[in-house]
Amino acid sequence: MADRIEIYGISGWGYHGVLASEKEAGQEFSVDVMIELTRASLEDDLVHTVDYSVVAERVYAIIVGESMDLIETVAERIIDSCREFSGVAAVEVAVHKPSAPISVPFRDVVVRIRREFI
């Protein structure tokens, strides 16, 4: 069993996508992050956990930062930024793109990626 930190709905205006219109106009993206830790609850010490405010800031910086073609790449970059904390056993990221260029009615497009490290 692992301890989990979950942050939902980190949002920002990004320029991710393969179409020129997506790169020019941009759109709102939202990200959910789940981080599994190996021993945070066993010890009452900040050194064994992750500062979720720092995680949120990093995720936001990736959303609004460098333009990427694939939202899978956005998710992978977020995972990489979370992996840098000690004690992280796994990270799962869901990138929401509710304004994706799809010609039929839909509510959301979500790319979900999970990586395990320990």
PDB file of N, CA and C in Angstrom:
ATOM      1  N   MET A   1       0.830  -1.186   0.000  1.00  0.00           N
ATOM      2  CA  MET A   1       0.000   0.000   0.000  1.00  0.00           C
ATOM      3  C   MET A   1       0.871   1.245   0.000  1.00  0.00           C
ATOM      4  N   ALA A   2       0.379   2.248  -0.658  1.00  0.00           N
ATOM      5  CA  ALA A   2       1.104   3.509  -0.733  1.00  0.00           C
ATOM      6  C   ALA A   2       0.195   4.640  -0.293  1.00  0.00           C
ATOM      7  N   ASP A   3       0.815   5.695   0.179  1.00  0.00           N
ATOM      8  CA  ASP A   3       0.085   6.918   0.471  1.00  0.00           C
ATOM      9  C   ASP A   3      -0.125   7.654  -0.847  1.00  0.00           C
ATOM     10  N   ARG A   4      -1.230   8.371  -0.951  1.00  0.00           N
ATOM     11  CA  ARG A   4      -1.528   9.071  -2.202  1.00  0.00           C
ATOM     12  C   ARG A   4      -1.810  10.541  -1.939  1.00  0.00           C
ATOM     13  N   ILE A   5      -1.264  11.364  -2.780  1.00  0.00           N
ATOM     14  CA  ILE A   5      -1.620  12.779  -2.823  1.00  0.00           C
ATOM     15  C   ILE A   5      -2.290  12.997  -4.167  1.00  0.00           C
ATOM     16  N   GLU A   6      -3.469  13.587  -4.152  1.00  0.00           N
ATOM     17  CA  GLU A   6      -4.210  13.829  -5.383  1.00  0.00           C
ATOM     18  C   GLU A   6      -4.569  15.304  -5.475  1.00  0.00           C
ATOM     19  N   ILE A   7      -4.328  15.877  -6.640  1.00  0.00           N
ATOM     20  CA  ILE A   7      -4.684  17.269  -6.910  1.00  0.00           C
ATOM     21  C   ILE A   7      -5.522  17.256  -8.186  1.00  0.00           C
ATOM     22  N   TYR A   8      -6.700  17.863  -8.123  1.00  0.00           N
ATOM     23  CA  TYR A   8      -7.609  17.861  -9.265  1.00  0.00           C
ATOM     24  C   TYR A   8      -7.826  19.267  -9.816  1.00  0.00           C
ATOM     25  N   GLY A   9      -7.862  19.354 -11.141  1.00  0.00           N
ATOM     26  CA  GLY A   9      -8.291  20.578 -11.799  1.00  0.00           C
ATOM     27  C   GLY A   9      -7.291  21.718 -11.844  1.00  0.00           C
ATOM     28  N   ILE A  10      -6.007  21.408 -11.892  1.00  0.00           N
ATOM     29  CA  ILE A  10      -5.017  22.469 -12.078  1.00  0.00           C
ATOM     30  C   ILE A  10      -5.198  22.967 -13.514  1.00  0.00           C
ATOM     31  N   SER A  11      -5.559  24.232 -13.682  1.00  0.00           N
ATOM     32  CA  SER A  11      -5.966  24.725 -14.992  1.00  0.00           C
ATOM     33  C   SER A  11      -5.094  25.874 -15.476  1.00  0.00           C
ATOM     34  N   GLY A  12      -4.979  25.944 -16.788  1.00  0.00           N
ATOM     35  CA  GLY A  12      -4.241  27.038 -17.401  1.00  0.00           C
ATOM     36  C   GLY A  12      -4.468  27.072 -18.897  1.00  0.00           C
ATOM     37  N   TRP A  13      -4.120  28.190 -19.503  1.00  0.00           N
ATOM     38  CA  TRP A  13      -4.265  28.394 -20.942  1.00  0.00           C
ATOM     39  C   TRP A  13      -2.988  27.919 -21.616  1.00  0.00           C
ATOM     40  N   GLY A  14      -3.127  26.920 -22.477  1.00  0.00           N
ATOM     41  CA  GLY A  14      -1.962  26.357 -23.148  1.00  0.00           C
ATOM     42  C   GLY A  14      -2.120  26.352 -24.649  1.00  0.00           C
ATOM     43  N   TYR A  15      -1.036  26.071 -25.326  1.00  0.00           N
ATOM     44  CA  TYR A  15      -0.986  26.095 -26.788  1.00  0.00           C
ATOM     45  C   TYR A  15      -0.551  24.737 -27.332  1.00  0.00           C
ATOM     46  N   HIS A  16      -1.158  23.683 -26.825  1.00  0.00           N
ATOM     47  CA  HIS A  16      -0.794  22.327 -27.183  1.00  0.00           C
ATOM     48  C   HIS A  16      -1.759  21.773 -28.216  1.00  0.00           C
ATOM     49  N   GLY A  17      -1.223  21.077 -29.198  1.00  0.00           N
ATOM     50  CA  GLY A  17      -2.027  20.466 -30.240  1.00  0.00           C
ATOM     51  C   GLY A  17      -1.271  20.490 -31.549  1.00  0.00           C
ATOM     52  N   VAL A  18      -1.750  19.754 -32.512  1.00  0.00           N
ATOM     53  CA  VAL A  18      -1.047  19.669 -33.799  1.00  0.00           C
ATOM     54  C   VAL A  18      -1.554  20.683 -34.816  1.00  0.00           C
ATOM     55  N   LEU A  19      -2.733  21.234 -34.589  1.00  0.00           N
ATOM     56  CA  LEU A  19      -3.281  22.196 -35.548  1.00  0.00           C
ATOM     57  C   LEU A  19      -2.709  23.597 -35.312  1.00  0.00           C
ATOM     58  N   ALA A  20      -2.521  24.321 -36.402  1.00  0.00           N
ATOM     59  CA  ALA A  20      -2.020  25.699 -36.307  1.00  0.00           C
ATOM     60  C   ALA A  20      -2.951  26.555 -35.449  1.00  0.00           C
ATOM     61  N   SER A  21      -4.248  26.351 -35.581  1.00  0.00           N
ATOM     62  CA  SER A  21      -5.215  27.139 -34.802  1.00  0.00           C
ATOM     63  C   SER A  21      -5.056  26.908 -33.300  1.00  0.00           C
ATOM     64  N   GLU A  22      -4.699  25.696 -32.900  1.00  0.00           N
ATOM     65  CA  GLU A  22      -4.494  25.398 -31.477  1.00  0.00           C
ATOM     66  C   GLU A  22      -3.246  26.097 -30.955  1.00  0.00           C
ATOM     67  N   LYS A  23      -2.240  26.161 -31.798  1.00  0.00           N
ATOM     68  CA  LYS A  23      -0.979  26.796 -31.395  1.00  0.00           C
ATOM     69  C   LYS A  23      -1.102  28.320 -31.368  1.00  0.00           C
ATOM     70  N   GLU A  24      -1.983  28.868 -32.198  1.00  0.00           N
ATOM     71  CA  GLU A  24      -2.153  30.319 -32.261  1.00  0.00           C
ATOM     72  C   GLU A  24      -3.122  30.831 -31.200  1.00  0.00           C
ATOM     73  N   ALA A  25      -4.295  30.238 -31.126  1.00  0.00           N
ATOM     74  CA  ALA A  25      -5.332  30.731 -30.217  1.00  0.00           C
ATOM     75  C   ALA A  25      -5.200  30.157 -28.809  1.00  0.00           C
ATOM     76  N   GLY A  26      -4.701  28.930 -28.712  1.00  0.00           N
ATOM     77  CA  GLY A  26      -4.619  28.264 -27.417  1.00  0.00           C
ATOM     78  C   GLY A  26      -5.989  27.837 -26.920  1.00  0.00           C
ATOM     79  N   GLN A  27      -5.991  27.198 -25.761  1.00  0.00           N
ATOM     80  CA  GLN A  27      -7.234  26.743 -25.141  1.00  0.00           C
ATOM     81  C   GLN A  27      -6.963  26.361 -23.697  1.00  0.00           C
ATOM     82  N   GLU A  28      -8.025  26.198 -22.948  1.00  0.00           N
ATOM     83  CA  GLU A  28      -7.928  25.829 -21.543  1.00  0.00           C
ATOM     84  C   GLU A  28      -7.603  24.336 -21.413  1.00  0.00           C
ATOM     85  N   PHE A  29      -6.664  24.038 -20.558  1.00  0.00           N
ATOM     86  CA  PHE A  29      -6.326  22.658 -20.208  1.00  0.00           C
ATOM     87  C   PHE A  29      -6.500  22.507 -18.705  1.00  0.00           C
ATOM     88  N   SER A  30      -6.818  21.303 -18.280  1.00  0.00           N
ATOM     89  CA  SER A  30      -6.954  20.998 -16.869  1.00  0.00           C
ATOM     90  C   SER A  30      -6.211  19.689 -16.607  1.00  0.00           C
ATOM     91  N   VAL A  31      -5.564  19.608 -15.465  1.00  0.00           N
ATOM     92  CA  VAL A  31      -4.752  18.435 -15.151  1.00  0.00           C
ATOM     93  C   VAL A  31      -5.085  17.919 -13.758  1.00  0.00           C
ATOM     94  N   ASP A  32      -5.199  16.600 -13.650  1.00  0.00           N
ATOM     95  CA  ASP A  32      -5.325  15.909 -12.374  1.00  0.00           C
ATOM     96  C   ASP A  32      -4.033  15.129 -12.162  1.00  0.00           C
ATOM     97  N   VAL A  33      -3.510  15.179 -10.942  1.00  0.00           N
ATOM     98  CA  VAL A  33      -2.260  14.489 -10.630  1.00  0.00           C
ATOM     99  C   VAL A  33      -2.466  13.622  -9.397  1.00  0.00           C
ATOM    100  N   MET A  34      -2.004  12.370  -9.469  1.00  0.00           N
ATOM    101  CA  MET A  34      -2.009  11.477  -8.328  1.00  0.00           C
ATOM    102  C   MET A  34      -0.582  10.994  -8.119  1.00  0.00           C
ATOM    103  N   ILE A  35      -0.070  11.210  -6.915  1.00  0.00           N
ATOM    104  CA  ILE A  35       1.293  10.796  -6.575  1.00  0.00           C
ATOM    105  C   ILE A  35       1.213   9.774  -5.446  1.00  0.00           C
ATOM    106  N   GLU A  36       1.831   8.612  -5.659  1.00  0.00           N
ATOM    107  CA  GLU A  36       1.927   7.613  -4.592  1.00  0.00           C
ATOM    108  C   GLU A  36       3.291   7.731  -3.938  1.00  0.00           C
ATOM    109  N   LEU A  37       3.268   7.741  -2.617  1.00  0.00           N
ATOM    110  CA  LEU A  37       4.495   7.869  -1.829  1.00  0.00           C
ATOM    111  C   LEU A  37       4.759   6.589  -1.057  1.00  0.00           C
ATOM    112  N   THR A  38       6.016   6.323  -0.797  1.00  0.00           N
ATOM    113  CA  THR A  38       6.368   5.061  -0.143  1.00  0.00           C
ATOM    114  C   THR A  38       6.189   5.066   1.366  1.00  0.00           C
ATOM    115  N   ARG A  39       6.343   6.225   2.032  1.00  0.00           N
ATOM    116  CA  ARG A  39       6.289   6.167   3.486  1.00  0.00           C
ATOM    117  C   ARG A  39       5.865   7.444   4.174  1.00  0.00           C
ATOM    118  N   ALA A  40       5.126   8.292   3.546  1.00  0.00           N
ATOM    119  CA  ALA A  40       4.759   9.572   4.161  1.00  0.00           C
ATOM    120  C   ALA A  40       3.999   9.399   5.469  1.00  0.00           C
ATOM    121  N   SER A  41       3.035   8.492   5.526  1.00  0.00           N
ATOM    122  CA  SER A  41       2.218   8.369   6.735  1.00  0.00           C
ATOM    123  C   SER A  41       2.930   7.623   7.868  1.00  0.00           C
ATOM    124  N   LEU A  42       4.021   6.957   7.564  1.00  0.00           N
ATOM    125  CA  LEU A  42       4.738   6.214   8.600  1.00  0.00           C
ATOM    126  C   LEU A  42       5.573   7.117   9.498  1.00  0.00           C
ATOM    127  N   GLU A  43       5.920   8.272   8.980  1.00  0.00           N
ATOM    128  CA  GLU A  43       6.763   9.200   9.721  1.00  0.00           C
ATOM    129  C   GLU A  43       6.144  10.590   9.628  1.00  0.00           C
ATOM    130  N   ASP A  44       6.025  11.248  10.718  1.00  0.00           N
ATOM    131  CA  ASP A  44       5.443  12.588  10.732  1.00  0.00           C
ATOM    132  C   ASP A  44       6.535  13.612  10.424  1.00  0.00           C
ATOM    133  N   ASP A  45       7.022  13.539   9.179  1.00  0.00           N
ATOM    134  CA  ASP A  45       8.157  14.377   8.785  1.00  0.00           C
ATOM    135  C   ASP A  45       7.989  14.808   7.329  1.00  0.00           C
ATOM    136  N   LEU A  46       8.094  16.092   7.084  1.00  0.00           N
ATOM    137  CA  LEU A  46       7.924  16.632   5.733  1.00  0.00           C
ATOM    138  C   LEU A  46       8.890  16.045   4.719  1.00  0.00           C
ATOM    139  N   VAL A  47      10.014  15.562   5.173  1.00  0.00           N
ATOM    140  CA  VAL A  47      11.008  15.022   4.249  1.00  0.00           C
ATOM    141  C   VAL A  47      10.488  13.772   3.526  1.00  0.00           C
ATOM    142  N   HIS A  48       9.464  13.132   4.066  1.00  0.00           N
ATOM    143  CA  HIS A  48       8.928  11.901   3.483  1.00  0.00           C
ATOM    144  C   HIS A  48       7.669  12.111   2.648  1.00  0.00           C
ATOM    145  N   THR A  49       7.364  13.359   2.358  1.00  0.00           N
ATOM    146  CA  THR A  49       6.182  13.629   1.555  1.00  0.00           C
ATOM    147  C   THR A  49       6.525  14.612   0.444  1.00  0.00           C
ATOM    148  N   VAL A  50       5.518  15.010  -0.302  1.00  0.00           N
ATOM    149  CA  VAL A  50       5.688  15.923  -1.422  1.00  0.00           C
ATOM    150  C   VAL A  50       4.900  17.195  -1.122  1.00  0.00           C
ATOM    151  N   ASP A  51       5.497  18.326  -1.367  1.00  0.00           N
ATOM    152  CA  ASP A  51       4.823  19.606  -1.183  1.00  0.00           C
ATOM    153  C   ASP A  51       3.852  19.805  -2.350  1.00  0.00           C
ATOM    154  N   TYR A  52       2.565  19.600  -2.109  1.00  0.00           N
ATOM    155  CA  TYR A  52       1.604  19.648  -3.205  1.00  0.00           C
ATOM    156  C   TYR A  52       1.450  21.040  -3.807  1.00  0.00           C
ATOM    157  N   SER A  53       1.809  22.082  -3.067  1.00  0.00           N
ATOM    158  CA  SER A  53       1.773  23.420  -3.678  1.00  0.00           C
ATOM    159  C   SER A  53       2.865  23.548  -4.742  1.00  0.00           C
ATOM    160  N   VAL A  54       4.013  22.933  -4.501  1.00  0.00           N
ATOM    161  CA  VAL A  54       5.090  22.940  -5.500  1.00  0.00           C
ATOM    162  C   VAL A  54       4.680  22.105  -6.712  1.00  0.00           C
ATOM    163  N   VAL A  55       4.034  20.964  -6.469  1.00  0.00           N
ATOM    164  CA  VAL A  55       3.540  20.138  -7.575  1.00  0.00           C
ATOM    165  C   VAL A  55       2.583  20.952  -8.434  1.00  0.00           C
ATOM    166  N   ALA A  56       1.633  21.627  -7.813  1.00  0.00           N
ATOM    167  CA  ALA A  56       0.650  22.420  -8.553  1.00  0.00           C
ATOM    168  C   ALA A  56       1.326  23.515  -9.376  1.00  0.00           C
ATOM    169  N   GLU A  57       2.317  24.175  -8.802  1.00  0.00           N
ATOM    170  CA  GLU A  57       3.039  25.225  -9.535  1.00  0.00           C
ATOM    171  C   GLU A  57       3.785  24.653 -10.735  1.00  0.00           C
ATOM    172  N   ARG A  58       4.397  23.499 -10.562  1.00  0.00           N
ATOM    173  CA  ARG A  58       5.115  22.857 -11.675  1.00  0.00           C
ATOM    174  C   ARG A  58       4.155  22.445 -12.789  1.00  0.00           C
ATOM    175  N   VAL A  59       3.026  21.876 -12.411  1.00  0.00           N
ATOM    176  CA  VAL A  59       2.035  21.457 -13.405  1.00  0.00           C
ATOM    177  C   VAL A  59       1.539  22.678 -14.179  1.00  0.00           C
ATOM    178  N   TYR A  60       1.213  23.734 -13.470  1.00  0.00           N
ATOM    179  CA  TYR A  60       0.730  24.955 -14.123  1.00  0.00           C
ATOM    180  C   TYR A  60       1.775  25.499 -15.096  1.00  0.00           C
ATOM    181  N   ALA A  61       3.031  25.504 -14.682  1.00  0.00           N
ATOM    182  CA  ALA A  61       4.098  26.002 -15.554  1.00  0.00           C
ATOM    183  C   ALA A  61       4.202  25.182 -16.834  1.00  0.00           C
ATOM    184  N   ILE A  62       3.971  23.886 -16.745  1.00  0.00           N
ATOM    185  CA  ILE A  62       4.014  23.036 -17.944  1.00  0.00           C
ATOM    186  C   ILE A  62       2.801  23.309 -18.832  1.00  0.00           C
ATOM    187  N   ILE A  63       1.639  23.480 -18.227  1.00  0.00           N
ATOM    188  CA  ILE A  63       0.429  23.767 -19.020  1.00  0.00           C
ATOM    189  C   ILE A  63       0.606  25.056 -19.818  1.00  0.00           C
ATOM    190  N   VAL A  64       1.074  26.102 -19.179  1.00  0.00           N
ATOM    191  CA  VAL A  64       1.150  27.414 -19.833  1.00  0.00           C
ATOM    192  C   VAL A  64       2.491  27.648 -20.532  1.00  0.00           C
ATOM    193  N   GLY A  65       3.397  26.703 -20.405  1.00  0.00           N
ATOM    194  CA  GLY A  65       4.741  26.861 -20.958  1.00  0.00           C
ATOM    195  C   GLY A  65       4.859  26.441 -22.412  1.00  0.00           C
ATOM    196  N   GLU A  66       5.972  25.832 -22.712  1.00  0.00           N
ATOM    197  CA  GLU A  66       6.327  25.419 -24.080  1.00  0.00           C
ATOM    198  C   GLU A  66       5.197  24.656 -24.772  1.00  0.00           C
ATOM    199  N   SER A  67       4.897  25.036 -25.996  1.00  0.00           N
ATOM    200  CA  SER A  67       3.874  24.371 -26.795  1.00  0.00           C
ATOM    201  C   SER A  67       4.342  22.977 -27.192  1.00  0.00           C
ATOM    202  N   MET A  68       3.443  22.011 -27.051  1.00  0.00           N
ATOM    203  CA  MET A  68       3.735  20.634 -27.446  1.00  0.00           C
ATOM    204  C   MET A  68       2.632  20.147 -28.379  1.00  0.00           C
ATOM    205  N   ASP A  69       2.988  19.279 -29.300  1.00  0.00           N
ATOM    206  CA  ASP A  69       1.995  18.742 -30.231  1.00  0.00           C
ATOM    207  C   ASP A  69       1.017  17.798 -29.535  1.00  0.00           C
ATOM    208  N   LEU A  70       1.517  16.918 -28.708  1.00  0.00           N
ATOM    209  CA  LEU A  70       0.697  15.862 -28.103  1.00  0.00           C
ATOM    210  C   LEU A  70       0.431  16.141 -26.630  1.00  0.00           C
ATOM    211  N   ILE A  71      -0.814  15.928 -26.213  1.00  0.00           N
ATOM    212  CA  ILE A  71      -1.078  16.075 -24.787  1.00  0.00           C
ATOM    213  C   ILE A  71      -0.492  14.891 -24.010  1.00  0.00           C
ATOM    214  N   GLU A  72      -0.170  13.814 -24.703  1.00  0.00           N
ATOM    215  CA  GLU A  72       0.575  12.728 -24.063  1.00  0.00           C
ATOM    216  C   GLU A  72       1.948  13.225 -23.611  1.00  0.00           C
ATOM    217  N   THR A  73       2.564  14.082 -24.423  1.00  0.00           N
ATOM    218  CA  THR A  73       3.865  14.656 -24.059  1.00  0.00           C
ATOM    219  C   THR A  73       3.720  15.590 -22.872  1.00  0.00           C
ATOM    220  N   VAL A  74       2.639  16.353 -22.834  1.00  0.00           N
ATOM    221  CA  VAL A  74       2.370  17.220 -21.680  1.00  0.00           C
ATOM    222  C   VAL A  74       2.291  16.364 -20.421  1.00  0.00           C
ATOM    223  N   ALA A  75       1.549  15.266 -20.483  1.00  0.00           N
ATOM    224  CA  ALA A  75       1.407  14.371 -19.334  1.00  0.00           C
ATOM    225  C   ALA A  75       2.753  13.786 -18.910  1.00  0.00           C
ATOM    226  N   GLU A  76       3.553  13.377 -19.877  1.00  0.00           N
ATOM    227  CA  GLU A  76       4.868  12.787 -19.559  1.00  0.00           C
ATOM    228  C   GLU A  76       5.790  13.807 -18.896  1.00  0.00           C
ATOM    229  N   ARG A  77       5.754  15.045 -19.348  1.00  0.00           N
ATOM    230  CA  ARG A  77       6.577  16.101 -18.727  1.00  0.00           C
ATOM    231  C   ARG A  77       6.153  16.355 -17.289  1.00  0.00           C
ATOM    232  N   ILE A  78       4.854  16.300 -17.052  1.00  0.00           N
ATOM    233  CA  ILE A  78       4.358  16.474 -15.682  1.00  0.00           C
ATOM    234  C   ILE A  78       4.834  15.326 -14.806  1.00  0.00           C
ATOM    235  N   ILE A  79       4.764  14.116 -15.319  1.00  0.00           N
ATOM    236  CA  ILE A  79       5.257  12.966 -14.560  1.00  0.00           C
ATOM    237  C   ILE A  79       6.733  13.134 -14.241  1.00  0.00           C
ATOM    238  N   ASP A  80       7.515  13.546 -15.214  1.00  0.00           N
ATOM    239  CA  ASP A  80       8.948  13.763 -14.985  1.00  0.00           C
ATOM    240  C   ASP A  80       9.192  14.774 -13.879  1.00  0.00           C
ATOM    241  N   SER A  81       8.390  15.834 -13.844  1.00  0.00           N
ATOM    242  CA  SER A  81       8.586  16.866 -12.818  1.00  0.00           C
ATOM    243  C   SER A  81       8.211  16.350 -11.429  1.00  0.00           C
ATOM    244  N   CYS A  82       7.271  15.426 -11.342  1.00  0.00           N
ATOM    245  CA  CYS A  82       6.876  14.854 -10.053  1.00  0.00           C
ATOM    246  C   CYS A  82       7.845  13.783  -9.580  1.00  0.00           C
ATOM    247  N   ARG A  83       8.474  13.131 -10.507  1.00  0.00           N
ATOM    248  CA  ARG A  83       9.412  12.053 -10.181  1.00  0.00           C
ATOM    249  C   ARG A  83      10.639  12.567  -9.436  1.00  0.00           C
ATOM    250  N   GLU A  84      10.923  13.845  -9.565  1.00  0.00           N
ATOM    251  CA  GLU A  84      12.109  14.437  -8.938  1.00  0.00           C
ATOM    252  C   GLU A  84      12.033  14.459  -7.412  1.00  0.00           C
ATOM    253  N   PHE A  85      10.833  14.324  -6.833  1.00  0.00           N
ATOM    254  CA  PHE A  85      10.694  14.307  -5.380  1.00  0.00           C
ATOM    255  C   PHE A  85      11.108  12.940  -4.845  1.00  0.00           C
ATOM    256  N   SER A  86      11.740  12.912  -3.690  1.00  0.00           N
ATOM    257  CA  SER A  86      12.142  11.626  -3.118  1.00  0.00           C
ATOM    258  C   SER A  86      10.918  10.898  -2.563  1.00  0.00           C
ATOM    259  N   GLY A  87      10.975   9.589  -2.604  1.00  0.00           N
ATOM    260  CA  GLY A  87       9.907   8.769  -2.060  1.00  0.00           C
ATOM    261  C   GLY A  87       8.713   8.576  -2.972  1.00  0.00           C
ATOM    262  N   VAL A  88       8.781   9.074  -4.201  1.00  0.00           N
ATOM    263  CA  VAL A  88       7.661   8.909  -5.135  1.00  0.00           C
ATOM    264  C   VAL A  88       7.726   7.513  -5.748  1.00  0.00           C
ATOM    265  N   ALA A  89       6.676   6.733  -5.533  1.00  0.00           N
ATOM    266  CA  ALA A  89       6.621   5.372  -6.049  1.00  0.00           C
ATOM    267  C   ALA A  89       5.923   5.312  -7.410  1.00  0.00           C
ATOM    268  N   ALA A  90       4.953   6.197  -7.612  1.00  0.00           N
ATOM    269  CA  ALA A  90       4.205   6.209  -8.875  1.00  0.00           C
ATOM    270  C   ALA A  90       3.548   7.569  -9.052  1.00  0.00           C
ATOM    271  N   VAL A  91       3.299   7.900 -10.314  1.00  0.00           N
ATOM    272  CA  VAL A  91       2.583   9.133 -10.643  1.00  0.00           C
ATOM    273  C   VAL A  91       1.587   8.804 -11.742  1.00  0.00           C
ATOM    274  N   GLU A  92       0.380   9.302 -11.584  1.00  0.00           N
ATOM    275  CA  GLU A  92      -0.636   9.200 -12.630  1.00  0.00           C
ATOM    276  C   GLU A  92      -1.104  10.609 -12.951  1.00  0.00           C
ATOM    277  N   VAL A  93      -1.179  10.911 -14.230  1.00  0.00           N
ATOM    278  CA  VAL A  93      -1.580  12.242 -14.685  1.00  0.00           C
ATOM    279  C   VAL A  93      -2.703  12.099 -15.697  1.00  0.00           C
ATOM    280  N   ALA A  94      -3.710  12.936 -15.556  1.00  0.00           N
ATOM    281  CA  ALA A  94      -4.790  13.029 -16.539  1.00  0.00           C
ATOM    282  C   ALA A  94      -4.808  14.457 -17.067  1.00  0.00           C
ATOM    283  N   VAL A  95      -4.624  14.600 -18.374  1.00  0.00           N
ATOM    284  CA  VAL A  95      -4.684  15.912 -19.012  1.00  0.00           C
ATOM    285  C   VAL A  95      -6.024  16.007 -19.736  1.00  0.00           C
ATOM    286  N   HIS A  96      -6.809  17.016 -19.373  1.00  0.00           N
ATOM    287  CA  HIS A  96      -8.129  17.239 -19.959  1.00  0.00           C
ATOM    288  C   HIS A  96      -8.036  18.330 -21.028  1.00  0.00           C
ATOM    289  N   LYS A  97      -8.635  18.046 -22.166  1.00  0.00           N
ATOM    290  CA  LYS A  97      -8.664  18.997 -23.283  1.00  0.00           C
ATOM    291  C   LYS A  97     -10.117  19.110 -23.756  1.00  0.00           C
ATOM    292  N   PRO A  98     -10.956  19.837 -23.006  1.00  0.00           N
ATOM    293  CA  PRO A  98     -12.387  19.875 -23.307  1.00  0.00           C
ATOM    294  C   PRO A  98     -12.754  20.643 -24.578  1.00  0.00           C
ATOM    295  N   SER A  99     -11.824  21.415 -25.118  1.00  0.00           N
ATOM    296  CA  SER A  99     -12.097  22.149 -26.363  1.00  0.00           C
ATOM    297  C   SER A  99     -11.336  21.566 -27.543  1.00  0.00           C
ATOM    298  N   ALA A 100     -11.033  20.290 -27.475  1.00  0.00           N
ATOM    299  CA  ALA A 100     -10.316  19.626 -28.567  1.00  0.00           C
ATOM    300  C   ALA A 100     -11.094  19.776 -29.877  1.00  0.00           C
ATOM    301  N   PRO A 101     -10.372  19.859 -30.992  1.00  0.00           N
ATOM    302  CA  PRO A 101     -11.049  20.044 -32.282  1.00  0.00           C
ATOM    303  C   PRO A 101     -11.686  18.747 -32.789  1.00  0.00           C
ATOM    304  N   ILE A 102     -12.888  18.481 -32.300  1.00  0.00           N
ATOM    305  CA  ILE A 102     -13.647  17.299 -32.683  1.00  0.00           C
ATOM    306  C   ILE A 102     -14.971  17.779 -33.272  1.00  0.00           C
ATOM    307  N   SER A 103     -15.391  17.182 -34.370  1.00  0.00           N
ATOM    308  CA  SER A 103     -16.554  17.697 -35.105  1.00  0.00           C
ATOM    309  C   SER A 103     -17.904  17.187 -34.601  1.00  0.00           C
ATOM    310  N   VAL A 104     -17.926  16.377 -33.574  1.00  0.00           N
ATOM    311  CA  VAL A 104     -19.187  15.887 -33.027  1.00  0.00           C
ATOM    312  C   VAL A 104     -19.287  16.325 -31.562  1.00  0.00           C
ATOM    313  N   PRO A 105     -20.498  16.366 -31.007  1.00  0.00           N
ATOM    314  CA  PRO A 105     -20.631  16.762 -29.600  1.00  0.00           C
ATOM    315  C   PRO A 105     -19.861  15.808 -28.678  1.00  0.00           C
ATOM    316  N   PHE A 106     -19.156  16.375 -27.720  1.00  0.00           N
ATOM    317  CA  PHE A 106     -18.439  15.599 -26.708  1.00  0.00           C
ATOM    318  C   PHE A 106     -18.232  16.484 -25.488  1.00  0.00           C
ATOM    319  N   ARG A 107     -17.918  15.867 -24.372  1.00  0.00           N
ATOM    320  CA  ARG A 107     -17.725  16.614 -23.136  1.00  0.00           C
ATOM    321  C   ARG A 107     -16.268  16.892 -22.837  1.00  0.00           C
ATOM    322  N   ASP A 108     -15.390  15.930 -23.115  1.00  0.00           N
ATOM    323  CA  ASP A 108     -13.989  16.089 -22.724  1.00  0.00           C
ATOM    324  C   ASP A 108     -13.142  15.057 -23.455  1.00  0.00           C
ATOM    325  N   VAL A 109     -11.893  15.397 -23.653  1.00  0.00           N
ATOM    326  CA  VAL A 109     -10.876  14.449 -24.098  1.00  0.00           C
ATOM    327  C   VAL A 109      -9.866  14.375 -22.956  1.00  0.00           C
ATOM    328  N   VAL A 110      -9.537  13.164 -22.553  1.00  0.00           N
ATOM    329  CA  VAL A 110      -8.597  12.986 -21.447  1.00  0.00           C
ATOM    330  C   VAL A 110      -7.526  11.995 -21.860  1.00  0.00           C
ATOM    331  N   VAL A 111      -6.271  12.377 -21.651  1.00  0.00           N
ATOM    332  CA  VAL A 111      -5.158  11.446 -21.798  1.00  0.00           C
ATOM    333  C   VAL A 111      -4.666  11.156 -20.387  1.00  0.00           C
ATOM    334  N   ARG A 112      -4.625   9.872 -20.039  1.00  0.00           N
ATOM    335  CA  ARG A 112      -4.206   9.458 -18.700  1.00  0.00           C
ATOM    336  C   ARG A 112      -2.981   8.573 -18.839  1.00  0.00           C
ATOM    337  N   ILE A 113      -1.938   8.931 -18.096  1.00  0.00           N
ATOM    338  CA  ILE A 113      -0.690   8.164 -18.125  1.00  0.00           C
ATOM    339  C   ILE A 113      -0.286   7.865 -16.682  1.00  0.00           C
ATOM    340  N   ARG A 114       0.174   6.637 -16.451  1.00  0.00           N
ATOM    341  CA  ARG A 114       0.674   6.237 -15.130  1.00  0.00           C
ATOM    342  C   ARG A 114       2.081   5.658 -15.301  1.00  0.00           C
ATOM    343  N   ARG A 115       2.964   6.051 -14.408  1.00  0.00           N
ATOM    344  CA  ARG A 115       4.327   5.498 -14.391  1.00  0.00           C
ATOM    345  C   ARG A 115       4.647   5.083 -12.951  1.00  0.00           C
ATOM    346  N   GLU A 116       5.289   3.915 -12.810  1.00  0.00           N
ATOM    347  CA  GLU A 116       5.726   3.423 -11.507  1.00  0.00           C
ATOM    348  C   GLU A 116       7.245   3.443 -11.470  1.00  0.00           C
ATOM    349  N   PHE A 117       7.804   3.825 -10.340  1.00  0.00           N
ATOM    350  CA  PHE A 117       9.243   4.026 -10.225  1.00  0.00           C
ATOM    351  C   PHE A 117       9.932   3.098  -9.233  1.00  0.00           C
ATOM    352  N   ILE A 118       9.202   2.564  -8.287  1.00  0.00           N
ATOM    353  CA  ILE A 118       9.844   1.723  -7.262  1.00  0.00           C
ATOM    354  C   ILE A 118       9.202   0.365  -7.272  1.00  0.00           C
TER     355      ILE A 118
END
